[in-house]
Amino acid sequence: MVRGWILVQTEPGRARPICDALVGFDSDGVRILTADTVTGPHDIIVHVEAPNVDALSSAVGLAIGDAPGIEHITTCVAMD
């Protein structure tokens, strides 16, 4: 399994609805474990688990990258 964190910047006022929509995402073995709105340079931090890096990358695009209101995402993969 691969773990990662996705740092999300949203349009103003969109963080909470986007975060709520991400909770419970599960596709092809990729699970969003937590999605939290935060303060600082990012608006949401998502903790994700996937069977491999390719599945993680695909899920990021599917669940987050194309969502309306997303301005920028950064994916950080744990290198255990």
N, C-alpha and C. Protein backbone atom coordinates (compact mmCIF):
# COMPACT_ATOMS: atom_id res chain seq x y z
N MET A 1 0.83 -1.19 0.00
CA MET A 1 0.00 0.00 0.00
C MET A 1 0.87 1.24 0.00
N VAL A 2 0.37 2.28 -0.63
CA VAL A 2 1.03 3.58 -0.70
C VAL A 2 0.16 4.58 0.04
N ARG A 3 0.78 5.42 0.86
CA ARG A 3 0.06 6.48 1.54
C ARG A 3 0.52 7.82 0.99
N GLY A 4 -0.38 8.77 1.00
CA GLY A 4 -0.01 10.10 0.54
C GLY A 4 -0.90 11.16 1.13
N TRP A 5 -0.49 12.38 0.94
CA TRP A 5 -1.26 13.55 1.38
C TRP A 5 -1.41 14.46 0.18
N ILE A 6 -2.58 15.00 0.01
CA ILE A 6 -2.86 15.90 -1.09
C ILE A 6 -3.18 17.26 -0.47
N LEU A 7 -2.41 18.24 -0.86
CA LEU A 7 -2.58 19.61 -0.37
C LEU A 7 -3.38 20.36 -1.42
N VAL A 8 -4.51 20.90 -1.00
CA VAL A 8 -5.45 21.48 -1.96
C VAL A 8 -5.67 22.97 -1.67
N GLN A 9 -5.59 23.76 -2.72
CA GLN A 9 -5.96 25.17 -2.65
C GLN A 9 -7.26 25.32 -3.43
N THR A 10 -8.22 26.01 -2.82
CA THR A 10 -9.53 26.17 -3.46
C THR A 10 -9.85 27.64 -3.70
N GLU A 11 -10.88 27.86 -4.48
CA GLU A 11 -11.41 29.20 -4.63
C GLU A 11 -12.00 29.62 -3.28
N PRO A 12 -12.02 30.91 -2.99
CA PRO A 12 -12.58 31.37 -1.71
C PRO A 12 -14.00 30.84 -1.49
N GLY A 13 -14.23 30.36 -0.27
CA GLY A 13 -15.54 29.86 0.11
C GLY A 13 -15.88 28.47 -0.35
N ARG A 14 -14.96 27.79 -1.03
CA ARG A 14 -15.26 26.46 -1.58
C ARG A 14 -14.65 25.32 -0.78
N ALA A 15 -13.79 25.60 0.19
CA ALA A 15 -13.07 24.53 0.90
C ALA A 15 -14.01 23.54 1.59
N ARG A 16 -14.96 24.03 2.37
CA ARG A 16 -15.84 23.13 3.13
C ARG A 16 -16.65 22.21 2.23
N PRO A 17 -17.35 22.72 1.19
CA PRO A 17 -18.12 21.80 0.34
C PRO A 17 -17.25 20.79 -0.40
N ILE A 18 -16.07 21.21 -0.84
CA ILE A 18 -15.18 20.29 -1.53
C ILE A 18 -14.70 19.22 -0.56
N CYS A 19 -14.30 19.63 0.63
CA CYS A 19 -13.84 18.70 1.64
C CYS A 19 -14.92 17.68 1.97
N ASP A 20 -16.13 18.13 2.17
CA ASP A 20 -17.25 17.24 2.49
C ASP A 20 -17.49 16.23 1.37
N ALA A 21 -17.33 16.66 0.12
CA ALA A 21 -17.54 15.77 -1.03
C ALA A 21 -16.46 14.70 -1.13
N LEU A 22 -15.26 14.98 -0.63
CA LEU A 22 -14.16 14.03 -0.73
C LEU A 22 -14.24 12.91 0.30
N VAL A 23 -14.83 13.18 1.44
CA VAL A 23 -14.89 12.19 2.51
C VAL A 23 -15.67 10.96 2.02
N GLY A 24 -15.07 9.81 2.20
CA GLY A 24 -15.72 8.57 1.81
C GLY A 24 -15.42 8.12 0.38
N PHE A 25 -14.62 8.89 -0.36
CA PHE A 25 -14.26 8.46 -1.73
C PHE A 25 -13.55 7.12 -1.65
N ASP A 26 -13.95 6.19 -2.49
CA ASP A 26 -13.34 4.86 -2.54
C ASP A 26 -13.49 4.37 -3.97
N SER A 27 -12.36 4.19 -4.66
CA SER A 27 -12.40 3.75 -6.05
C SER A 27 -11.19 2.91 -6.36
N ASP A 28 -11.40 1.70 -6.84
CA ASP A 28 -10.32 0.80 -7.25
C ASP A 28 -9.25 0.64 -6.16
N GLY A 29 -9.69 0.51 -4.93
CA GLY A 29 -8.75 0.30 -3.83
C GLY A 29 -8.12 1.57 -3.29
N VAL A 30 -8.47 2.71 -3.86
CA VAL A 30 -7.96 3.99 -3.37
C VAL A 30 -8.99 4.55 -2.39
N ARG A 31 -8.52 4.85 -1.18
CA ARG A 31 -9.43 5.35 -0.15
C ARG A 31 -8.93 6.68 0.39
N ILE A 32 -9.84 7.61 0.52
CA ILE A 32 -9.53 8.84 1.23
C ILE A 32 -9.80 8.57 2.69
N LEU A 33 -8.73 8.59 3.47
CA LEU A 33 -8.83 8.28 4.89
C LEU A 33 -9.37 9.46 5.69
N THR A 34 -8.87 10.65 5.39
CA THR A 34 -9.36 11.87 6.03
C THR A 34 -9.26 13.01 5.04
N ALA A 35 -10.12 13.98 5.23
CA ALA A 35 -10.06 15.23 4.46
C ALA A 35 -10.43 16.33 5.45
N ASP A 36 -9.51 17.24 5.67
CA ASP A 36 -9.70 18.28 6.67
C ASP A 36 -9.47 19.65 6.08
N THR A 37 -10.33 20.60 6.42
CA THR A 37 -10.04 21.99 6.07
C THR A 37 -9.03 22.50 7.10
N VAL A 38 -8.08 23.30 6.63
CA VAL A 38 -6.99 23.78 7.47
C VAL A 38 -6.72 25.25 7.18
N THR A 39 -5.94 25.86 8.07
CA THR A 39 -5.48 27.23 7.84
C THR A 39 -4.06 27.16 7.28
N GLY A 40 -3.62 28.24 6.68
CA GLY A 40 -2.27 28.29 6.12
C GLY A 40 -2.34 28.40 4.61
N PRO A 41 -1.26 28.01 3.94
CA PRO A 41 -1.20 28.19 2.48
C PRO A 41 -2.12 27.25 1.71
N HIS A 42 -2.62 26.19 2.35
CA HIS A 42 -3.54 25.26 1.70
C HIS A 42 -4.88 25.33 2.43
N ASP A 43 -5.92 24.92 1.74
CA ASP A 43 -7.27 24.98 2.31
C ASP A 43 -7.75 23.62 2.81
N ILE A 44 -7.27 22.55 2.18
CA ILE A 44 -7.66 21.19 2.55
C ILE A 44 -6.42 20.31 2.52
N ILE A 45 -6.32 19.40 3.48
CA ILE A 45 -5.31 18.35 3.44
C ILE A 45 -6.04 17.02 3.43
N VAL A 46 -5.73 16.20 2.44
CA VAL A 46 -6.39 14.91 2.25
C VAL A 46 -5.35 13.81 2.49
N HIS A 47 -5.70 12.84 3.33
CA HIS A 47 -4.84 11.68 3.58
C HIS A 47 -5.43 10.53 2.78
N VAL A 48 -4.64 9.93 1.92
CA VAL A 48 -5.14 8.92 0.98
C VAL A 48 -4.28 7.67 1.05
N GLU A 49 -4.90 6.54 0.73
CA GLU A 49 -4.20 5.25 0.69
C GLU A 49 -4.56 4.57 -0.63
N ALA A 50 -3.56 3.97 -1.26
CA ALA A 50 -3.78 3.34 -2.56
C ALA A 50 -2.92 2.09 -2.69
N PRO A 51 -3.27 1.18 -3.58
CA PRO A 51 -2.47 -0.02 -3.75
C PRO A 51 -1.09 0.25 -4.37
N ASN A 52 -0.98 1.33 -5.16
CA ASN A 52 0.29 1.68 -5.78
C ASN A 52 0.26 3.15 -6.22
N VAL A 53 1.39 3.66 -6.65
CA VAL A 53 1.51 5.07 -7.02
C VAL A 53 0.63 5.40 -8.23
N ASP A 54 0.56 4.49 -9.20
CA ASP A 54 -0.27 4.75 -10.38
C ASP A 54 -1.74 4.91 -10.01
N ALA A 55 -2.23 4.06 -9.13
CA ALA A 55 -3.62 4.16 -8.69
C ALA A 55 -3.85 5.46 -7.93
N LEU A 56 -2.88 5.84 -7.12
CA LEU A 56 -2.98 7.09 -6.37
C LEU A 56 -3.07 8.27 -7.33
N SER A 57 -2.20 8.29 -8.33
CA SER A 57 -2.20 9.39 -9.31
C SER A 57 -3.53 9.48 -10.06
N SER A 58 -4.05 8.34 -10.47
CA SER A 58 -5.33 8.33 -11.19
C SER A 58 -6.46 8.84 -10.32
N ALA A 59 -6.47 8.42 -9.06
CA ALA A 59 -7.54 8.83 -8.15
C ALA A 59 -7.47 10.32 -7.86
N VAL A 60 -6.27 10.85 -7.75
CA VAL A 60 -6.13 12.29 -7.50
C VAL A 60 -6.79 13.07 -8.62
N GLY A 61 -6.53 12.69 -9.84
CA GLY A 61 -7.16 13.35 -10.98
C GLY A 61 -8.66 13.17 -11.00
N LEU A 62 -9.12 11.97 -10.68
CA LEU A 62 -10.54 11.66 -10.72
C LEU A 62 -11.31 12.34 -9.59
N ALA A 63 -10.81 12.24 -8.37
CA ALA A 63 -11.55 12.74 -7.21
C ALA A 63 -11.33 14.21 -6.93
N ILE A 64 -10.14 14.71 -7.25
CA ILE A 64 -9.79 16.05 -6.81
C ILE A 64 -9.46 16.99 -7.95
N GLY A 65 -8.61 16.55 -8.85
CA GLY A 65 -8.09 17.44 -9.89
C GLY A 65 -9.12 18.09 -10.77
N ASP A 66 -10.23 17.40 -11.04
CA ASP A 66 -11.25 17.94 -11.94
C ASP A 66 -12.43 18.58 -11.22
N ALA A 67 -12.38 18.62 -9.90
CA ALA A 67 -13.50 19.17 -9.14
C ALA A 67 -13.59 20.69 -9.33
N PRO A 68 -14.79 21.21 -9.53
CA PRO A 68 -14.94 22.66 -9.65
C PRO A 68 -14.55 23.34 -8.34
N GLY A 69 -13.86 24.46 -8.45
CA GLY A 69 -13.45 25.21 -7.27
C GLY A 69 -12.04 24.92 -6.82
N ILE A 70 -11.39 23.93 -7.42
CA ILE A 70 -10.00 23.61 -7.08
C ILE A 70 -9.08 24.52 -7.89
N GLU A 71 -8.17 25.18 -7.21
CA GLU A 71 -7.19 26.04 -7.89
C GLU A 71 -5.87 25.34 -8.11
N HIS A 72 -5.41 24.57 -7.11
CA HIS A 72 -4.10 23.91 -7.22
C HIS A 72 -4.04 22.74 -6.26
N ILE A 73 -3.38 21.65 -6.69
CA ILE A 73 -3.13 20.54 -5.79
C ILE A 73 -1.67 20.15 -5.83
N THR A 74 -1.17 19.67 -4.69
CA THR A 74 0.17 19.12 -4.59
C THR A 74 0.03 17.76 -3.93
N THR A 75 0.58 16.73 -4.55
CA THR A 75 0.51 15.39 -3.98
C THR A 75 1.85 15.03 -3.37
N CYS A 76 1.81 14.56 -2.13
CA CYS A 76 3.00 14.15 -1.39
C CYS A 76 2.85 12.67 -1.07
N VAL A 77 3.74 11.84 -1.60
CA VAL A 77 3.67 10.40 -1.39
C VAL A 77 4.67 10.01 -0.31
N ALA A 78 4.24 9.19 0.66
CA ALA A 78 5.14 8.71 1.72
C ALA A 78 6.14 7.74 1.11
N MET A 79 7.38 7.89 1.47
CA MET A 79 8.45 7.06 0.91
C MET A 79 8.96 6.07 1.95
N ASP A 80 8.07 5.28 2.54
CA ASP A 80 8.46 4.29 3.56
C ASP A 80 9.23 3.16 2.93
